[in-house]
Protein backbone atom coordinates (compact mmCIF):
# COMPACT_ATOMS: atom_id res chain seq x y z
CA MET A 1 -14.76 17.51 -12.30
CA SER A 2 -11.34 18.70 -11.45
CA ARG A 3 -10.02 18.57 -14.94
CA ALA A 4 -12.96 20.40 -16.37
CA LYS A 5 -12.98 22.94 -13.52
CA GLY A 6 -9.29 23.54 -14.13
CA ILE A 7 -9.87 24.22 -17.84
CA THR A 8 -12.38 26.97 -17.08
CA ILE A 9 -9.80 28.83 -15.20
CA GLU A 10 -8.21 31.62 -17.26
CA ASP A 11 -4.61 30.96 -18.11
CA ILE A 12 -2.23 32.25 -15.62
CA PRO A 13 1.43 33.35 -16.18
CA SER A 14 3.46 30.34 -15.00
CA GLU A 15 6.90 30.89 -16.46
CA ASN A 16 8.50 30.51 -12.91
CA TYR A 17 6.13 27.90 -11.59
CA VAL A 18 7.09 24.32 -10.81
CA PRO A 19 3.92 22.11 -10.28
CA LYS A 20 5.00 19.75 -7.50
CA LEU A 21 3.68 17.87 -4.32
CA LYS A 22 5.10 16.03 -1.35
CA TRP A 23 3.80 13.82 1.34
CA VAL A 24 4.19 14.71 5.08
CA ASN A 25 3.75 11.90 7.73
CA GLY A 26 1.57 12.50 10.64
CA LYS A 27 2.48 12.11 14.30
CA LYS A 28 1.68 8.70 15.52
CA GLY A 29 -1.68 8.67 17.45
CA ARG A 30 -2.18 12.32 17.11
CA GLU A 31 -2.66 13.33 13.45
CA LYS A 32 -2.91 11.89 9.92
CA GLY A 33 -0.38 12.41 7.25
CA HIS A 34 -1.29 14.86 4.38
CA PHE A 35 -0.11 15.97 1.00
CA VAL A 36 1.35 19.51 0.32
CA PHE A 37 0.70 20.94 -3.20
CA SER A 38 2.41 23.96 -4.67
CA VAL A 39 -0.41 25.78 -6.49
CA LEU A 40 -0.79 28.82 -8.48
CA ASP A 41 -2.83 31.72 -7.08
CA THR A 42 -6.10 31.37 -9.07
CA TYR A 43 -7.52 34.62 -7.49
CA THR A 44 -4.75 37.14 -8.28
CA LYS A 45 -3.79 35.34 -11.43
CA ASP A 46 -0.44 37.12 -11.32
CA GLY A 47 1.78 34.00 -11.48
CA SER A 48 2.29 33.82 -7.77
CA PHE A 49 2.09 30.47 -6.08
CA TYR A 50 2.12 29.01 -2.57
CA ASN A 51 1.78 25.75 -0.66
CA VAL A 52 -1.53 24.31 0.48
CA GLU A 53 -2.10 21.20 2.64
CA ILE A 54 -4.74 18.65 1.70
CA SER A 55 -5.66 15.31 3.31
CA GLU A 56 -5.21 12.04 1.55
CA GLU A 57 -8.94 11.51 1.56
CA ASP A 58 -9.45 14.79 -0.34
CA VAL A 59 -6.80 14.06 -2.87
CA TRP A 60 -8.34 10.58 -3.63
CA ARG A 61 -11.77 12.01 -4.05
CA MET A 62 -10.45 14.48 -6.63
CA ILE A 63 -8.71 11.94 -8.50
CA ASN A 64 -11.60 9.57 -8.51
CA ALA A 65 -13.76 12.41 -9.69
CA ASP A 66 -11.38 12.89 -12.50
CA ARG A 67 -11.52 9.26 -13.57
CA GLY A 68 -15.39 9.30 -13.22
CA THR A 69 -16.06 11.90 -15.79
CA LYS A 70 -13.76 10.38 -18.11
CA TYR A 71 -15.78 7.30 -18.19
CA GLY A 72 -19.15 9.13 -18.00
CA PHE A 73 -19.99 8.61 -14.38
CA TRP A 74 -22.30 10.96 -12.48
CA PHE A 75 -20.51 13.93 -11.07
CA SER A 76 -20.97 17.36 -9.34
CA PHE A 77 -18.46 20.03 -8.53
CA GLU A 78 -20.01 20.47 -5.02
CA ASN A 79 -19.52 16.80 -4.06
CA GLU A 80 -15.88 16.90 -5.23
CA GLN A 81 -14.98 20.04 -3.47
CA ASP A 82 -16.67 19.00 -0.21
CA ASP A 83 -15.18 21.16 2.60
CA LEU A 84 -12.11 22.11 0.72
CA PRO A 85 -11.36 25.90 0.68
CA ASP A 86 -11.89 27.48 -2.75
CA ASP A 87 -8.22 28.40 -3.12
CA ALA A 88 -7.09 24.83 -2.54
CA TYR A 89 -9.63 23.24 -4.61
CA LEU A 90 -9.13 25.57 -7.70
CA GLY A 91 -5.39 25.37 -7.31
CA ILE A 92 -5.27 21.66 -7.42
CA SER A 93 -7.97 21.51 -10.16
CA TYR A 94 -5.69 23.66 -12.28
CA LEU A 95 -2.99 21.06 -11.75
CA GLN A 96 -5.28 18.21 -12.79
CA ALA A 97 -6.22 20.04 -15.93
CA ARG A 98 -2.68 20.42 -17.14
CA TYR A 99 -0.41 17.86 -15.38
CA TYR A 100 -0.47 14.20 -14.49
CA LEU A 101 -1.77 13.50 -10.91
CA SER A 102 -2.38 9.86 -10.58
CA VAL A 103 -2.09 7.05 -7.99
CA SER A 104 1.50 6.35 -8.98
CA VAL A 105 2.36 10.00 -8.40
CA LEU A 106 0.94 9.79 -4.83
CA ARG A 107 2.93 6.66 -4.16
CA GLU A 108 6.05 8.20 -5.44
CA ALA A 109 5.53 11.17 -3.06
CA LYS A 110 5.22 8.82 -0.05
CA ARG A 111 8.47 7.04 -1.22
CA ALA A 112 10.24 10.38 -1.49
CA TRP A 113 9.16 11.28 2.10
CA LYS A 114 10.58 8.01 3.31
CA ARG A 115 13.95 8.78 1.59
CA GLY A 116 14.04 12.48 2.61
CA GLY A 117 11.91 13.00 5.63
CA LYS A 118 11.85 16.68 6.58
CA THR A 119 14.51 17.66 4.16
CA GLY A 120 14.04 19.80 1.17
CA TRP A 121 14.48 17.13 -1.38
CA ASN A 122 11.17 15.15 -0.94
CA TRP A 123 9.13 17.07 -3.53
CA VAL A 124 7.75 15.27 -6.62
CA VAL A 125 7.58 17.35 -9.81
CA LEU A 126 4.45 16.74 -11.94
CA LYS A 127 4.70 16.05 -15.70
CA ARG A 128 2.63 18.07 -18.25
CA ARG A 129 -0.28 16.35 -19.66
CA ALA A 130 0.13 15.12 -23.36
CA LYS A 131 -2.20 16.35 -26.02
CA ARG A 132 -4.60 13.53 -27.21
CA GLY A 133 -2.52 11.08 -29.23
CA GLY A 134 0.82 12.60 -28.16
CA ARG A 135 3.52 12.34 -25.51
CA PRO A 136 3.93 14.21 -22.30
CA VAL A 137 5.82 17.45 -22.73
CA GLY A 138 9.45 16.65 -22.46
CA GLY A 139 8.87 13.04 -23.44
CA GLY A 140 10.91 11.26 -25.98
CA LYS A 141 14.70 11.91 -26.25
CA SER A 142 15.93 13.38 -22.92
CA LYS A 143 18.23 16.41 -22.94
CA GLY A 144 19.60 15.36 -19.59
CA PHE A 145 20.04 16.97 -16.21
CA ALA A 146 20.23 20.49 -17.64
CA SER A 147 16.73 20.27 -19.09
CA LEU A 148 15.08 19.48 -15.74
CA PRO A 149 13.17 22.14 -13.62
CA LYS A 150 15.52 23.81 -11.11
CA SER A 151 13.69 22.30 -8.14
CA GLU A 152 14.15 18.74 -9.64
CA GLN A 153 17.90 19.56 -10.19
CA GLU A 154 18.22 20.55 -6.57
CA ARG A 155 16.41 17.41 -5.44
CA LEU A 156 18.77 15.23 -7.45
CA LEU A 157 21.84 17.07 -6.19
CA SER A 158 20.57 16.61 -2.61
CA LEU A 159 20.06 12.97 -3.05
CA SER A 160 23.48 12.59 -4.25
CA ALA A 161 24.94 14.62 -1.30
CA ASN A 162 22.96 12.53 1.21
CA TYR A 163 23.60 9.25 -0.60
CA GLU A 164 25.34 7.34 2.23
CA LYS A 165 22.65 8.36 4.75
CA ILE A 166 19.80 7.31 2.55
CA VAL A 167 21.39 3.99 1.59
CA ASN A 168 21.94 3.22 5.23
CA ASN A 169 18.30 3.89 6.00
CA CYS A 170 17.36 1.58 3.07
CA TYR A 171 19.53 -1.20 4.50
CA LYS A 172 18.34 -0.69 8.01
CA LYS A 173 14.59 -0.70 7.28
CA ASP A 174 14.75 -3.14 4.18
CA TRP A 175 13.56 -0.40 1.83
CA VAL A 176 14.25 -2.14 -1.48
CA THR A 177 11.71 -0.01 -3.40
CA GLU A 178 13.21 3.19 -2.17
CA TYR A 179 16.71 1.87 -2.98
CA VAL A 180 15.62 1.16 -6.64
CA GLU A 181 14.13 4.54 -7.03
CA LEU A 182 17.32 6.16 -5.49
CA GLN A 183 19.46 4.39 -8.12
CA ARG A 184 17.03 5.45 -10.79
CA ASP A 185 17.35 9.06 -9.81
CA LEU A 186 21.13 8.97 -9.65
CA CYS A 187 21.24 7.64 -13.21
CA LEU A 188 19.19 10.54 -14.19
CA LEU A 189 21.51 12.89 -12.48
CA LYS A 190 24.55 11.35 -14.09
CA GLY A 191 22.95 10.80 -17.44
CA THR A 192 23.68 7.07 -17.34
CA LYS A 193 21.39 4.19 -18.30
CA PHE A 194 19.50 2.52 -15.56
CA PRO A 195 20.77 -1.10 -15.34
CA GLY A 196 17.36 -2.55 -14.61
CA LYS A 197 15.23 -3.27 -11.53
CA LYS A 198 16.18 -6.91 -11.11
CA ARG A 199 20.01 -6.04 -11.23
CA ILE A 200 19.49 -3.35 -8.63
CA ILE A 201 17.35 -5.59 -6.28
CA ALA A 202 20.08 -8.25 -6.52
CA GLU A 203 22.79 -5.56 -5.69
CA PHE A 204 20.65 -4.43 -2.77
CA THR A 205 20.23 -7.80 -1.33
CA GLU A 206 23.85 -8.65 -1.32
CA ALA A 207 24.89 -5.23 0.03
CA ARG A 208 22.42 -5.33 2.77
CA LYS A 209 23.50 -8.71 3.83
CA LYS A 210 27.03 -7.41 4.33
CA TRP A 211 25.76 -4.28 5.99
CA LEU A 212 23.71 -6.34 8.51
CA GLU A 213 26.80 -8.48 9.27
CA GLU A 214 28.84 -5.32 9.98
CA ASN A 215 26.06 -3.50 11.89
CA GLY A 216 24.07 -6.30 13.43
């Protein structure tokens, strides 16, 4: 499975590597959407990395294979890889071995695309897997914005710079989930406590009502 396959890969220098992915919407009626992963080069093993595109079906197959071996289901590398090129398969397998790649992460990537579209701040950074019985690396007491990877800092700063535009889109399309996640991200940027989902939803409902009256 992906996790085991990734573990067999010799460790690669990764000091400058930020494990991340994003979703890209397809053009209506012409092509499907797909995920883009930033992966380490598992052939040169020199610490270089690049982006690979992978279909939603392929990602789901790899995640389900990862789940299957955990619970003792039948599995083969050939079935999991299917028609994926070796570099894409091994690169994402490396990620699965060391970072959390889950259903919730895929959903967050799609939400980030809604908020950011084709801009550069729709990437989702993956968290390091915890050792058995522990917490994810970086878990526990946060050191704040300064402790985040550079790409994540840039994403949060871009969210702040484009705040009004994003909020207007949320009001226009009734994107309450995206609005909640935006407020959560800004709290992380500012180092403030998130006031709670219910409070943010109530704030969104009231603010959107006024926005519709002014822009109806």
